[in-house]
Amino acid sequence: MEALQWNRPEACQDGASCPEVAVTADAVYLRSSLQPDAVATLTTAEWRDLLTGIRNGEFDV
């Protein structure tokens, strides 16, 4: 895997348990700061669908 630029939400800058995202031209990579070696890879369409679902409350408990 190429060297990735990982980003955290501003609310998590000092936290130890944060989601991290890296975006390239071909894919979006997700991981947890607790398990940085476990990386999920999404297409840009899958990433867009995930964000839409989050915004629409599809994952609210």
C-alpha atoms as a PDB file:
ATOM      1  CA  MET A   1       0.000   0.000   0.000  1.00  0.00           C
ATOM      2  CA  GLU A   2       1.238   3.495  -0.803  1.00  0.00           C
ATOM      3  CA  ALA A   3       2.106   5.935   1.969  1.00  0.00           C
ATOM      4  CA  LEU A   4      -1.185   7.454   3.079  1.00  0.00           C
ATOM      5  CA  GLN A   5      -1.994  10.797   4.707  1.00  0.00           C
ATOM      6  CA  TRP A   6      -4.267   9.855   7.630  1.00  0.00           C
ATOM      7  CA  ASN A   7      -6.714  12.431   8.989  1.00  0.00           C
ATOM      8  CA  ARG A   8      -8.784  12.501  12.186  1.00  0.00           C
ATOM      9  CA  PRO A   9     -11.884  14.532  12.976  1.00  0.00           C
ATOM     10  CA  GLU A  10     -11.059  17.771  14.785  1.00  0.00           C
ATOM     11  CA  ALA A  11     -13.006  16.553  17.826  1.00  0.00           C
ATOM     12  CA  CYS A  12     -10.571  13.626  18.133  1.00  0.00           C
ATOM     13  CA  GLN A  13      -7.207  15.335  17.810  1.00  0.00           C
ATOM     14  CA  ASP A  14      -6.200  14.500  21.391  1.00  0.00           C
ATOM     15  CA  GLY A  15      -8.143  11.249  21.731  1.00  0.00           C
ATOM     16  CA  ALA A  16      -6.744   7.753  21.639  1.00  0.00           C
ATOM     17  CA  SER A  17      -9.790   6.071  20.083  1.00  0.00           C
ATOM     18  CA  CYS A  18     -10.539   7.873  16.846  1.00  0.00           C
ATOM     19  CA  PRO A  19     -11.577   7.054  13.303  1.00  0.00           C
ATOM     20  CA  GLU A  20      -8.954   7.937  10.715  1.00  0.00           C
ATOM     21  CA  VAL A  21      -9.465   8.462   6.986  1.00  0.00           C
ATOM     22  CA  ALA A  22      -7.054   8.643   4.061  1.00  0.00           C
ATOM     23  CA  VAL A  23      -8.278   9.621   0.605  1.00  0.00           C
ATOM     24  CA  THR A  24      -6.518   8.896  -2.686  1.00  0.00           C
ATOM     25  CA  ALA A  25      -7.638   9.324  -6.281  1.00  0.00           C
ATOM     26  CA  ASP A  26      -8.761   5.681  -6.405  1.00  0.00           C
ATOM     27  CA  ALA A  27     -10.020   4.816  -2.923  1.00  0.00           C
ATOM     28  CA  VAL A  28     -10.862   5.885   0.603  1.00  0.00           C
ATOM     29  CA  TYR A  29      -9.185   4.069   3.500  1.00  0.00           C
ATOM     30  CA  LEU A  30     -10.618   3.831   7.009  1.00  0.00           C
ATOM     31  CA  ARG A  31      -9.066   2.639  10.244  1.00  0.00           C
ATOM     32  CA  SER A  32      -9.268   3.048  13.998  1.00  0.00           C
ATOM     33  CA  SER A  33      -6.415   4.656  15.883  1.00  0.00           C
ATOM     34  CA  LEU A  34      -6.680   1.672  18.247  1.00  0.00           C
ATOM     35  CA  GLN A  35      -5.936  -0.802  15.429  1.00  0.00           C
ATOM     36  CA  PRO A  36      -3.981   1.091  12.765  1.00  0.00           C
ATOM     37  CA  ASP A  37      -3.037  -2.092  10.890  1.00  0.00           C
ATOM     38  CA  ALA A  38      -6.697  -3.025  10.271  1.00  0.00           C
ATOM     39  CA  VAL A  39      -7.584  -0.899   7.237  1.00  0.00           C
ATOM     40  CA  ALA A  40     -10.883  -0.975   5.337  1.00  0.00           C
ATOM     41  CA  THR A  41     -10.806   0.104   1.699  1.00  0.00           C
ATOM     42  CA  LEU A  42     -13.824   1.673   0.010  1.00  0.00           C
ATOM     43  CA  THR A  43     -14.422   2.946  -3.485  1.00  0.00           C
ATOM     44  CA  THR A  44     -15.350   6.593  -3.747  1.00  0.00           C
ATOM     45  CA  ALA A  45     -18.968   5.534  -4.467  1.00  0.00           C
ATOM     46  CA  GLU A  46     -19.038   3.357  -1.323  1.00  0.00           C
ATOM     47  CA  TRP A  47     -17.597   6.254   0.711  1.00  0.00           C
ATOM     48  CA  ARG A  48     -20.249   8.623  -0.641  1.00  0.00           C
ATOM     49  CA  ASP A  49     -22.985   6.086   0.208  1.00  0.00           C
ATOM     50  CA  LEU A  50     -21.605   5.648   3.734  1.00  0.00           C
ATOM     51  CA  LEU A  51     -21.549   9.392   4.363  1.00  0.00           C
ATOM     52  CA  THR A  52     -25.079   9.749   2.994  1.00  0.00           C
ATOM     53  CA  GLY A  53     -26.276   6.969   5.311  1.00  0.00           C
ATOM     54  CA  ILE A  54     -24.617   8.600   8.306  1.00  0.00           C
ATOM     55  CA  ARG A  55     -26.131  11.994   7.493  1.00  0.00           C
ATOM     56  CA  ASN A  56     -29.567  10.423   7.043  1.00  0.00           C
ATOM     57  CA  GLY A  57     -29.395   8.626  10.392  1.00  0.00           C
ATOM     58  CA  GLU A  58     -29.379   5.114   8.916  1.00  0.00           C
ATOM     59  CA  PHE A  59     -26.930   3.938  11.567  1.00  0.00           C
ATOM     60  CA  ASP A  60     -28.482   5.634  14.587  1.00  0.00           C
ATOM     61  CA  VAL A  61     -29.316   3.210  17.360  1.00  0.00           C
END
